[in-house]
């Protein structure tokens, strides 16, 4: 009987330790989830700021002068454009047109 009582006590102590460790693990997991949620909020805010910066930096009225000053680019001339029917209809079927009209 005494052995059964000791074995029962050991089992109960083992279960108590297991429950305590599970509780600690759950708390650590909960803290990690909370940290990750905070990080998600920070990253989303950073993404919003970067998108606003991209929108500001890619404005045509800003890009045009920079392209002319730094790259020597000019606006496209009308003769540089082509009609839709002059473009290839399928990949591999190239049509050759004389754009200059010669």
PDB file of N, CA and C in Angstrom:
ATOM      1  N   UNK A   1       0.824  -1.188   0.000  1.00  0.00           N
ATOM      2  CA  UNK A   1       0.000   0.000   0.000  1.00  0.00           C
ATOM      3  C   UNK A   1       0.871   1.256   0.000  1.00  0.00           C
ATOM      4  N   UNK A   2       1.948   1.177   0.779  1.00  0.00           N
ATOM      5  CA  UNK A   2       2.841   2.323   0.873  1.00  0.00           C
ATOM      6  C   UNK A   2       3.487   2.606  -0.483  1.00  0.00           C
ATOM      7  N   UNK A   3       3.866   1.547  -1.207  1.00  0.00           N
ATOM      8  CA  UNK A   3       4.459   1.733  -2.532  1.00  0.00           C
ATOM      9  C   UNK A   3       3.465   2.397  -3.486  1.00  0.00           C
ATOM     10  N   UNK A   4       2.232   2.007  -3.406  1.00  0.00           N
ATOM     11  CA  UNK A   4       1.199   2.590  -4.252  1.00  0.00           C
ATOM     12  C   UNK A   4       1.027   4.074  -3.927  1.00  0.00           C
ATOM     13  N   UNK A   5       1.070   4.424  -2.653  1.00  0.00           N
ATOM     14  CA  UNK A   5       0.945   5.816  -2.226  1.00  0.00           C
ATOM     15  C   UNK A   5       2.146   6.630  -2.709  1.00  0.00           C
ATOM     16  N   UNK A   6       3.336   6.080  -2.621  1.00  0.00           N
ATOM     17  CA  UNK A   6       4.544   6.778  -3.087  1.00  0.00           C
ATOM     18  C   UNK A   6       4.502   6.930  -4.601  1.00  0.00           C
ATOM     19  N   UNK A   7       4.125   5.884  -5.298  1.00  0.00           N
ATOM     20  CA  UNK A   7       4.036   5.951  -6.763  1.00  0.00           C
ATOM     21  C   UNK A   7       2.993   6.983  -7.177  1.00  0.00           C
ATOM     22  N   UNK A   8       1.873   7.034  -6.482  1.00  0.00           N
ATOM     23  CA  UNK A   8       0.841   8.040  -6.768  1.00  0.00           C
ATOM     24  C   UNK A   8       1.355   9.448  -6.526  1.00  0.00           C
ATOM     25  N   UNK A   9       2.114   9.626  -5.452  1.00  0.00           N
ATOM     26  CA  UNK A   9       2.696  10.947  -5.141  1.00  0.00           C
ATOM     27  C   UNK A   9       3.686  11.381  -6.215  1.00  0.00           C
ATOM     28  N   UNK A  10       4.499  10.427  -6.691  1.00  0.00           N
ATOM     29  CA  UNK A  10       5.465  10.735  -7.755  1.00  0.00           C
ATOM     30  C   UNK A  10       4.728  11.109  -9.041  1.00  0.00           C
ATOM     31  N   UNK A  11       3.674  10.382  -9.357  1.00  0.00           N
ATOM     32  CA  UNK A  11       2.894  10.679 -10.558  1.00  0.00           C
ATOM     33  C   UNK A  11       2.268  12.066 -10.440  1.00  0.00           C
ATOM     34  N   UNK A  12       1.686  12.382  -9.280  1.00  0.00           N
ATOM     35  CA  UNK A  12       1.066  13.700  -9.072  1.00  0.00           C
ATOM     36  C   UNK A  12       2.128  14.788  -9.168  1.00  0.00           C
ATOM     37  N   UNK A  13       3.293  14.577  -8.572  1.00  0.00           N
ATOM     38  CA  UNK A  13       4.368  15.576  -8.646  1.00  0.00           C
ATOM     39  C   UNK A  13       4.825  15.753 -10.095  1.00  0.00           C
ATOM     40  N   UNK A  14       4.940  14.660 -10.820  1.00  0.00           N
ATOM     41  CA  UNK A  14       5.329  14.734 -12.231  1.00  0.00           C
ATOM     42  C   UNK A  14       4.302  15.491 -13.054  1.00  0.00           C
ATOM     43  N   UNK A  15       3.039  15.244 -12.802  1.00  0.00           N
ATOM     44  CA  UNK A  15       1.976  15.967 -13.501  1.00  0.00           C
ATOM     45  C   UNK A  15       1.985  17.453 -13.149  1.00  0.00           C
ATOM     46  N   UNK A  16       2.239  17.765 -11.890  1.00  0.00           N
ATOM     47  CA  UNK A  16       2.287  19.165 -11.459  1.00  0.00           C
ATOM     48  C   UNK A  16       3.426  19.898 -12.174  1.00  0.00           C
ATOM     49  N   UNK A  17       4.577  19.244 -12.259  1.00  0.00           N
ATOM     50  CA  UNK A  17       5.719  19.845 -12.976  1.00  0.00           C
ATOM     51  C   UNK A  17       5.374  20.018 -14.451  1.00  0.00           C
ATOM     52  N   UNK A  18       4.730  19.028 -15.038  1.00  0.00           N
ATOM     53  CA  UNK A  18       4.337  19.117 -16.447  1.00  0.00           C
ATOM     54  C   UNK A  18       3.361  20.250 -16.700  1.00  0.00           C
ATOM     55  N   UNK A  19       2.384  20.399 -15.817  1.00  0.00           N
ATOM     56  CA  UNK A  19       1.411  21.492 -15.962  1.00  0.00           C
ATOM     57  C   UNK A  19       2.110  22.845 -15.804  1.00  0.00           C
ATOM     58  N   UNK A  20       3.021  22.949 -14.846  1.00  0.00           N
ATOM     59  CA  UNK A  20       3.746  24.206 -14.635  1.00  0.00           C
ATOM     60  C   UNK A  20       4.575  24.561 -15.861  1.00  0.00           C
ATOM     61  N   UNK A  21       5.278  23.584 -16.430  1.00  0.00           N
ATOM     62  CA  UNK A  21       6.087  23.839 -17.629  1.00  0.00           C
ATOM     63  C   UNK A  21       5.201  24.217 -18.815  1.00  0.00           C
ATOM     64  N   UNK A  22       4.052  23.577 -18.937  1.00  0.00           N
ATOM     65  CA  UNK A  22       3.129  23.915 -20.021  1.00  0.00           C
ATOM     66  C   UNK A  22       2.617  25.341 -19.859  1.00  0.00           C
ATOM     67  N   UNK A  23       2.333  25.736 -18.610  1.00  0.00           N
ATOM     68  CA  UNK A  23       1.866  27.100 -18.351  1.00  0.00           C
ATOM     69  C   UNK A  23       2.953  28.105 -18.717  1.00  0.00           C
ATOM     70  N   UNK A  24       4.203  27.835 -18.340  1.00  0.00           N
ATOM     71  CA  UNK A  24       5.314  28.729 -18.697  1.00  0.00           C
ATOM     72  C   UNK A  24       5.486  28.806 -20.215  1.00  0.00           C
ATOM     73  N   UNK A  25       5.388  27.672 -20.880  1.00  0.00           N
ATOM     74  CA  UNK A  25       5.505  27.647 -22.338  1.00  0.00           C
ATOM     75  C   UNK A  25       4.398  28.456 -22.998  1.00  0.00           C
ATOM     76  N   UNK A  26       3.195  28.351 -22.469  1.00  0.00           N
ATOM     77  CA  UNK A  26       2.072  29.109 -23.020  1.00  0.00           C
ATOM     78  C   UNK A  26       2.275  30.608 -22.818  1.00  0.00           C
ATOM     79  N   UNK A  27       2.789  30.992 -21.660  1.00  0.00           N
ATOM     80  CA  UNK A  27       3.047  32.421 -21.394  1.00  0.00           C
ATOM     81  C   UNK A  27       4.127  32.953 -22.331  1.00  0.00           C
ATOM     82  N   UNK A  28       5.182  32.167 -22.529  1.00  0.00           N
ATOM     83  CA  UNK A  28       6.243  32.596 -23.438  1.00  0.00           C
ATOM     84  C   UNK A  28       5.718  32.712 -24.868  1.00  0.00           C
ATOM     85  N   UNK A  29       4.887  31.776 -25.271  1.00  0.00           N
ATOM     86  CA  UNK A  29       4.292  31.824 -26.606  1.00  0.00           C
ATOM     87  C   UNK A  29       3.393  33.041 -26.741  1.00  0.00           C
ATOM     88  N   UNK A  30       2.639  33.339 -25.704  1.00  0.00           N
ATOM     89  CA  UNK A  30       1.759  34.512 -25.721  1.00  0.00           C
ATOM     90  C   UNK A  30       2.573  35.801 -25.829  1.00  0.00           C
ATOM     91  N   UNK A  31       3.696  35.870 -25.111  1.00  0.00           N
ATOM     92  CA  UNK A  31       4.549  37.065 -25.201  1.00  0.00           C
ATOM     93  C   UNK A  31       5.153  37.183 -26.605  1.00  0.00           C
ATOM     94  N   UNK A  32       5.549  36.073 -27.174  1.00  0.00           N
ATOM     95  CA  UNK A  32       6.123  36.075 -28.531  1.00  0.00           C
ATOM     96  C   UNK A  32       5.080  36.539 -29.546  1.00  0.00           C
ATOM     97  N   UNK A  33       3.855  36.070 -29.400  1.00  0.00           N
ATOM     98  CA  UNK A  33       2.778  36.495 -30.296  1.00  0.00           C
ATOM     99  C   UNK A  33       2.543  37.993 -30.153  1.00  0.00           C
ATOM    100  N   UNK A  34       2.561  38.476 -28.940  1.00  0.00           N
ATOM    101  CA  UNK A  34       2.379  39.911 -28.700  1.00  0.00           C
ATOM    102  C   UNK A  34       3.509  40.716 -29.344  1.00  0.00           C
ATOM    103  N   UNK A  35       4.744  40.249 -29.204  1.00  0.00           N
ATOM    104  CA  UNK A  35       5.887  40.926 -29.828  1.00  0.00           C
ATOM    105  C   UNK A  35       5.753  40.938 -31.347  1.00  0.00           C
ATOM    106  N   UNK A  36       5.341  39.814 -31.920  1.00  0.00           N
ATOM    107  CA  UNK A  36       5.182  39.727 -33.372  1.00  0.00           C
ATOM    108  C   UNK A  36       4.076  40.650 -33.870  1.00  0.00           C
ATOM    109  N   UNK A  37       3.006  40.763 -33.102  1.00  0.00           N
ATOM    110  CA  UNK A  37       1.924  41.686 -33.496  1.00  0.00           C
ATOM    111  C   UNK A  37       2.426  43.119 -33.500  1.00  0.00           C
ATOM    112  N   UNK A  38       3.220  43.478 -32.504  1.00  0.00           N
ATOM    113  CA  UNK A  38       3.809  44.824 -32.476  1.00  0.00           C
ATOM    114  C   UNK A  38       4.735  45.050 -33.652  1.00  0.00           C
ATOM    115  N   UNK A  39       5.509  44.031 -33.990  1.00  0.00           N
ATOM    116  CA  UNK A  39       6.410  44.132 -35.135  1.00  0.00           C
ATOM    117  C   UNK A  39       5.621  44.269 -36.440  1.00  0.00           C
ATOM    118  N   UNK A  40       4.513  43.561 -36.545  1.00  0.00           N
ATOM    119  CA  UNK A  40       3.664  43.677 -37.739  1.00  0.00           C
ATOM    120  C   UNK A  40       3.154  45.097 -37.882  1.00  0.00           C
ATOM    121  N   UNK A  41       2.726  45.692 -36.783  1.00  0.00           N
ATOM    122  CA  UNK A  41       2.237  47.079 -36.826  1.00  0.00           C
ATOM    123  C   UNK A  41       3.356  48.013 -37.278  1.00  0.00           C
ATOM    124  N   UNK A  42       4.548  47.845 -36.727  1.00  0.00           N
ATOM    125  CA  UNK A  42       5.680  48.699 -37.109  1.00  0.00           C
ATOM    126  C   UNK A  42       6.041  48.527 -38.580  1.00  0.00           C
ATOM    127  N   UNK A  43       6.058  47.294 -39.056  1.00  0.00           N
ATOM    128  CA  UNK A  43       6.405  47.041 -40.454  1.00  0.00           C
ATOM    129  C   UNK A  43       5.341  47.628 -41.380  1.00  0.00           C
ATOM    130  N   UNK A  44       4.062  47.486 -41.018  1.00  0.00           N
ATOM    131  CA  UNK A  44       3.001  48.073 -41.839  1.00  0.00           C
ATOM    132  C   UNK A  44       3.107  49.590 -41.897  1.00  0.00           C
ATOM    133  N   UNK A  45       3.464  50.214 -40.777  1.00  0.00           N
ATOM    134  CA  UNK A  45       3.666  51.663 -40.773  1.00  0.00           C
ATOM    135  C   UNK A  45       4.847  52.044 -41.664  1.00  0.00           C
ATOM    136  N   UNK A  46       5.914  51.259 -41.599  1.00  0.00           N
ATOM    137  CA  UNK A  46       7.085  51.523 -42.442  1.00  0.00           C
ATOM    138  C   UNK A  46       6.736  51.352 -43.918  1.00  0.00           C
ATOM    139  N   UNK A  47       5.937  50.350 -44.228  1.00  0.00           N
ATOM    140  CA  UNK A  47       5.504  50.141 -45.617  1.00  0.00           C
ATOM    141  C   UNK A  47       4.696  51.341 -46.098  1.00  0.00           C
ATOM    142  N   UNK A  48       3.810  51.849 -45.250  1.00  0.00           N
ATOM    143  CA  UNK A  48       3.008  53.014 -45.626  1.00  0.00           C
ATOM    144  C   UNK A  48       3.889  54.224 -45.900  1.00  0.00           C
ATOM    145  N   UNK A  49       4.895  54.435 -45.052  1.00  0.00           N
ATOM    146  CA  UNK A  49       5.814  55.558 -45.255  1.00  0.00           C
ATOM    147  C   UNK A  49       6.588  55.378 -46.564  1.00  0.00           C
ATOM    148  N   UNK A  50       7.069  54.164 -46.817  1.00  0.00           N
ATOM    149  CA  UNK A  50       7.823  53.909 -48.048  1.00  0.00           C
ATOM    150  C   UNK A  50       6.954  54.079 -49.290  1.00  0.00           C
ATOM    151  N   UNK A  51       5.694  53.675 -49.223  1.00  0.00           N
ATOM    152  CA  UNK A  51       4.788  53.857 -50.355  1.00  0.00           C
ATOM    153  C   UNK A  51       4.539  55.346 -50.606  1.00  0.00           C
ATOM    154  N   UNK A  52       4.400  56.120 -49.528  1.00  0.00           N
ATOM    155  CA  UNK A  52       4.217  57.566 -49.688  1.00  0.00           C
ATOM    156  C   UNK A  52       5.469  58.199 -50.300  1.00  0.00           C
ATOM    157  N   UNK A  53       6.638  57.762 -49.857  1.00  0.00           N
ATOM    158  CA  UNK A  53       7.887  58.278 -50.423  1.00  0.00           C
ATOM    159  C   UNK A  53       8.006  57.910 -51.892  1.00  0.00           C
ATOM    160  N   UNK A  54       7.633  56.682 -52.239  1.00  0.00           N
ATOM    161  CA  UNK A  54       7.690  56.256 -53.639  1.00  0.00           C
ATOM    162  C   UNK A  54       6.755  57.100 -54.491  1.00  0.00           C
ATOM    163  N   UNK A  55       5.557  57.340 -53.994  1.00  0.00           N
ATOM    164  CA  UNK A  55       4.598  58.157 -54.744  1.00  0.00           C
ATOM    165  C   UNK A  55       5.143  59.570 -54.939  1.00  0.00           C
ATOM    166  N   UNK A  56       5.773  60.112 -53.910  1.00  0.00           N
ATOM    167  CA  UNK A  56       6.333  61.461 -54.017  1.00  0.00           C
ATOM    168  C   UNK A  56       7.503  61.487 -55.000  1.00  0.00           C
ATOM    169  N   UNK A  57       8.383  60.510 -54.904  1.00  0.00           N
ATOM    170  CA  UNK A  57       9.589  60.514 -55.735  1.00  0.00           C
ATOM    171  C   UNK A  57       9.316  60.147 -57.193  1.00  0.00           C
ATOM    172  N   UNK A  58       8.223  59.456 -57.462  1.00  0.00           N
ATOM    173  CA  UNK A  58       7.968  59.032 -58.834  1.00  0.00           C
ATOM    174  C   UNK A  58       6.978  59.945 -59.570  1.00  0.00           C
ATOM    175  N   UNK A  59       6.732  61.133 -59.039  1.00  0.00           N
ATOM    176  CA  UNK A  59       5.844  62.076 -59.721  1.00  0.00           C
ATOM    177  C   UNK A  59       6.461  62.509 -61.045  1.00  0.00           C
ATOM    178  N   UNK A  60       5.673  62.543 -62.123  1.00  0.00           N
ATOM    179  CA  UNK A  60       6.201  62.926 -63.439  1.00  0.00           C
ATOM    180  C   UNK A  60       6.826  64.323 -63.435  1.00  0.00           C
ATOM    181  N   UNK A  61       6.250  65.271 -62.695  1.00  0.00           N
ATOM    182  CA  UNK A  61       6.810  66.622 -62.676  1.00  0.00           C
ATOM    183  C   UNK A  61       8.167  66.676 -61.977  1.00  0.00           C
ATOM    184  N   UNK A  62       8.500  65.673 -61.206  1.00  0.00           N
ATOM    185  CA  UNK A  62       9.826  65.589 -60.586  1.00  0.00           C
ATOM    186  C   UNK A  62      10.784  64.803 -61.487  1.00  0.00           C
ATOM    187  N   UNK A  63      10.285  63.711 -62.080  1.00  0.00           N
ATOM    188  CA  UNK A  63      11.128  62.836 -62.903  1.00  0.00           C
ATOM    189  C   UNK A  63      11.565  63.535 -64.193  1.00  0.00           C
ATOM    190  N   UNK A  64      10.650  64.290 -64.823  1.00  0.00           N
ATOM    191  CA  UNK A  64      10.963  64.937 -66.106  1.00  0.00           C
ATOM    192  C   UNK A  64      12.203  65.811 -66.054  1.00  0.00           C
ATOM    193  N   UNK A  65      12.256  66.794 -65.152  1.00  0.00           N
ATOM    194  CA  UNK A  65      13.458  67.627 -65.079  1.00  0.00           C
ATOM    195  C   UNK A  65      14.726  66.848 -64.738  1.00  0.00           C
ATOM    196  N   UNK A  66      14.609  65.850 -63.870  1.00  0.00           N
ATOM    197  CA  UNK A  66      15.791  65.048 -63.534  1.00  0.00           C
ATOM    198  C   UNK A  66      16.281  64.265 -64.749  1.00  0.00           C
ATOM    199  N   UNK A  67      15.355  63.725 -65.523  1.00  0.00           N
ATOM    200  CA  UNK A  67      15.732  62.958 -66.715  1.00  0.00           C
ATOM    201  C   UNK A  67      16.421  63.860 -67.731  1.00  0.00           C
ATOM    202  N   UNK A  68      15.938  65.082 -67.875  1.00  0.00           N
ATOM    203  CA  UNK A  68      16.567  66.015 -68.822  1.00  0.00           C
ATOM    204  C   UNK A  68      17.940  66.467 -68.319  1.00  0.00           C
ATOM    205  N   UNK A  69      18.028  66.841 -67.045  1.00  0.00           N
ATOM    206  CA  UNK A  69      19.282  67.374 -66.493  1.00  0.00           C
ATOM    207  C   UNK A  69      20.372  66.307 -66.374  1.00  0.00           C
ATOM    208  N   UNK A  70      20.039  65.184 -65.802  1.00  0.00           N
ATOM    209  CA  UNK A  70      21.062  64.191 -65.475  1.00  0.00           C
ATOM    210  C   UNK A  70      21.280  63.158 -66.572  1.00  0.00           C
ATOM    211  N   UNK A  71      20.250  62.859 -67.351  1.00  0.00           N
ATOM    212  CA  UNK A  71      20.373  61.808 -68.354  1.00  0.00           C
ATOM    213  C   UNK A  71      20.340  62.335 -69.783  1.00  0.00           C
ATOM    214  N   UNK A  72      20.042  63.618 -69.937  1.00  0.00           N
ATOM    215  CA  UNK A  72      19.976  64.190 -71.269  1.00  0.00           C
ATOM    216  C   UNK A  72      18.780  63.697 -72.068  1.00  0.00           C
ATOM    217  N   UNK A  73      17.737  63.244 -71.419  1.00  0.00           N
ATOM    218  CA  UNK A  73      16.562  62.725 -72.112  1.00  0.00           C
ATOM    219  C   UNK A  73      15.637  63.871 -72.508  1.00  0.00           C
ATOM    220  N   UNK A  74      14.877  63.650 -73.551  1.00  0.00           N
ATOM    221  CA  UNK A  74      13.920  64.632 -74.040  1.00  0.00           C
ATOM    222  C   UNK A  74      12.554  63.957 -74.168  1.00  0.00           C
ATOM    223  N   UNK A  75      11.479  64.749 -74.179  1.00  0.00           N
ATOM    224  CA  UNK A  75      10.158  64.142 -74.390  1.00  0.00           C
ATOM    225  C   UNK A  75      10.105  63.461 -75.757  1.00  0.00           C
ATOM    226  N   UNK A  76       9.277  62.450 -75.874  1.00  0.00           N
ATOM    227  CA  UNK A  76       9.146  61.711 -77.136  1.00  0.00           C
ATOM    228  C   UNK A  76       8.545  62.605 -78.209  1.00  0.00           C
ATOM    229  N   UNK A  77       9.033  62.434 -79.431  1.00  0.00           N
ATOM    230  CA  UNK A  77       8.522  63.201 -80.572  1.00  0.00           C
ATOM    231  C   UNK A  77       7.417  62.392 -81.241  1.00  0.00           C
ATOM    232  N   UNK A  78       6.491  63.064 -81.914  1.00  0.00           N
ATOM    233  CA  UNK A  78       5.381  62.335 -82.550  1.00  0.00           C
ATOM    234  C   UNK A  78       5.851  61.263 -83.527  1.00  0.00           C
ATOM    235  N   UNK A  79       6.947  61.474 -84.216  1.00  0.00           N
ATOM    236  CA  UNK A  79       7.401  60.468 -85.186  1.00  0.00           C
ATOM    237  C   UNK A  79       7.984  59.219 -84.518  1.00  0.00           C
ATOM    238  N   UNK A  80       8.181  59.277 -83.225  1.00  0.00           N
ATOM    239  CA  UNK A  80       8.674  58.107 -82.503  1.00  0.00           C
ATOM    240  C   UNK A  80       7.547  57.133 -82.154  1.00  0.00           C
ATOM    241  N   UNK A  81       6.320  57.569 -82.275  1.00  0.00           N
ATOM    242  CA  UNK A  81       5.175  56.721 -81.984  1.00  0.00           C
ATOM    243  C   UNK A  81       4.785  55.955 -83.240  1.00  0.00           C
ATOM    244  N   UNK A  82       4.109  54.853 -83.077  1.00  0.00           N
ATOM    245  CA  UNK A  82       3.667  54.054 -84.215  1.00  0.00           C
ATOM    246  C   UNK A  82       2.205  53.658 -84.021  1.00  0.00           C
ATOM    247  N   UNK A  83       1.550  53.368 -85.103  1.00  0.00           N
ATOM    248  CA  UNK A  83       0.152  52.960 -85.033  1.00  0.00           C
ATOM    249  C   UNK A  83       0.049  51.529 -84.513  1.00  0.00           C
ATOM    250  N   UNK A  84      -1.055  51.215 -83.893  1.00  0.00           N
ATOM    251  CA  UNK A  84      -1.253  49.872 -83.334  1.00  0.00           C
ATOM    252  C   UNK A  84      -1.157  48.797 -84.395  1.00  0.00           C
ATOM    253  N   UNK A  85      -1.670  49.066 -85.589  1.00  0.00           N
ATOM    254  CA  UNK A  85      -1.666  48.027 -86.628  1.00  0.00           C
ATOM    255  C   UNK A  85      -0.261  47.722 -87.140  1.00  0.00           C
ATOM    256  N   UNK A  86       0.701  48.554 -86.833  1.00  0.00           N
ATOM    257  CA  UNK A  86       2.073  48.295 -87.261  1.00  0.00           C
ATOM    258  C   UNK A  86       2.825  47.400 -86.278  1.00  0.00           C
ATOM    259  N   UNK A  87       2.246  47.159 -85.121  1.00  0.00           N
ATOM    260  CA  UNK A  87       2.894  46.305 -84.129  1.00  0.00           C
ATOM    261  C   UNK A  87       2.662  44.844 -84.472  1.00  0.00           C
ATOM    262  N   UNK A  88       3.508  43.977 -83.984  1.00  0.00           N
ATOM    263  CA  UNK A  88       3.359  42.547 -84.245  1.00  0.00           C
ATOM    264  C   UNK A  88       2.092  42.044 -83.575  1.00  0.00           C
ATOM    265  N   UNK A  89       1.384  41.197 -84.292  1.00  0.00           N
ATOM    266  CA  UNK A  89       0.143  40.649 -83.752  1.00  0.00           C
ATOM    267  C   UNK A  89       0.403  39.409 -82.918  1.00  0.00           C
ATOM    268  N   UNK A  90       1.415  38.643 -83.287  1.00  0.00           N
ATOM    269  CA  UNK A  90       1.765  37.452 -82.533  1.00  0.00           C
ATOM    270  C   UNK A  90       3.274  37.398 -82.382  1.00  0.00           C
ATOM    271  N   UNK A  91       3.698  36.758 -81.338  1.00  0.00           N
ATOM    272  CA  UNK A  91       5.129  36.601 -81.130  1.00  0.00           C
ATOM    273  C   UNK A  91       5.669  35.738 -82.264  1.00  0.00           C
ATOM    274  N   UNK A  92       6.709  36.179 -82.893  1.00  0.00           N
ATOM    275  CA  UNK A  92       7.322  35.426 -83.974  1.00  0.00           C
ATOM    276  C   UNK A  92       6.853  35.867 -85.345  1.00  0.00           C
ATOM    277  N   UNK A  93       5.761  36.590 -85.434  1.00  0.00           N
ATOM    278  CA  UNK A  93       5.282  37.099 -86.721  1.00  0.00           C
ATOM    279  C   UNK A  93       5.648  38.574 -86.803  1.00  0.00           C
ATOM    280  N   UNK A  94       6.805  38.828 -87.260  1.00  0.00           N
ATOM    281  CA  UNK A  94       7.255  40.209 -87.344  1.00  0.00           C
ATOM    282  C   UNK A  94       6.911  40.783 -88.705  1.00  0.00           C
ATOM    283  N   UNK A  95       6.420  41.985 -88.690  1.00  0.00           N
ATOM    284  CA  UNK A  95       6.132  42.694 -89.930  1.00  0.00           C
ATOM    285  C   UNK A  95       7.126  43.834 -90.038  1.00  0.00           C
ATOM    286  N   UNK A  96       7.607  44.056 -91.195  1.00  0.00           N
ATOM    287  CA  UNK A  96       8.593  45.116 -91.402  1.00  0.00           C
ATOM    288  C   UNK A  96       7.932  46.252 -92.179  1.00  0.00           C
ATOM    289  N   UNK A  97       7.874  47.386 -91.562  1.00  0.00           N
ATOM    290  CA  UNK A  97       7.308  48.577 -92.170  1.00  0.00           C
ATOM    291  C   UNK A  97       8.374  49.655 -92.213  1.00  0.00           C
ATOM    292  N   UNK A  98       8.303  50.460 -93.194  1.00  0.00           N
ATOM    293  CA  UNK A  98       9.202  51.601 -93.293  1.00  0.00           C
ATOM    294  C   UNK A  98       8.510  52.781 -92.627  1.00  0.00           C
ATOM    295  N   UNK A  99       8.930  53.120 -91.414  1.00  0.00           N
ATOM    296  CA  UNK A  99       8.274  54.165 -90.642  1.00  0.00           C
ATOM    297  C   UNK A  99       8.539  55.536 -91.259  1.00  0.00           C
ATOM    298  N   UNK A 100       9.673  55.690 -91.923  1.00  0.00           N
ATOM    299  CA  UNK A 100      10.031  56.991 -92.473  1.00  0.00           C
ATOM    300  C   UNK A 100       9.206  57.314 -93.732  1.00  0.00           C
ATOM    301  N   UNK A 101       8.586  56.339 -94.324  1.00  0.00           N
ATOM    302  CA  UNK A 101       7.781  56.574 -95.505  1.00  0.00           C
ATOM    303  C   UNK A 101       8.565  56.549 -96.803  1.00  0.00           C
ATOM    304  N   UNK A 102       9.782  56.036 -96.792  1.00  0.00           N
ATOM    305  CA  UNK A 102      10.611  55.960 -98.012  1.00  0.00           C
ATOM    306  C   UNK A 102      10.188  54.815 -98.879  1.00  0.00           C
TER     307      UNK A 102
END
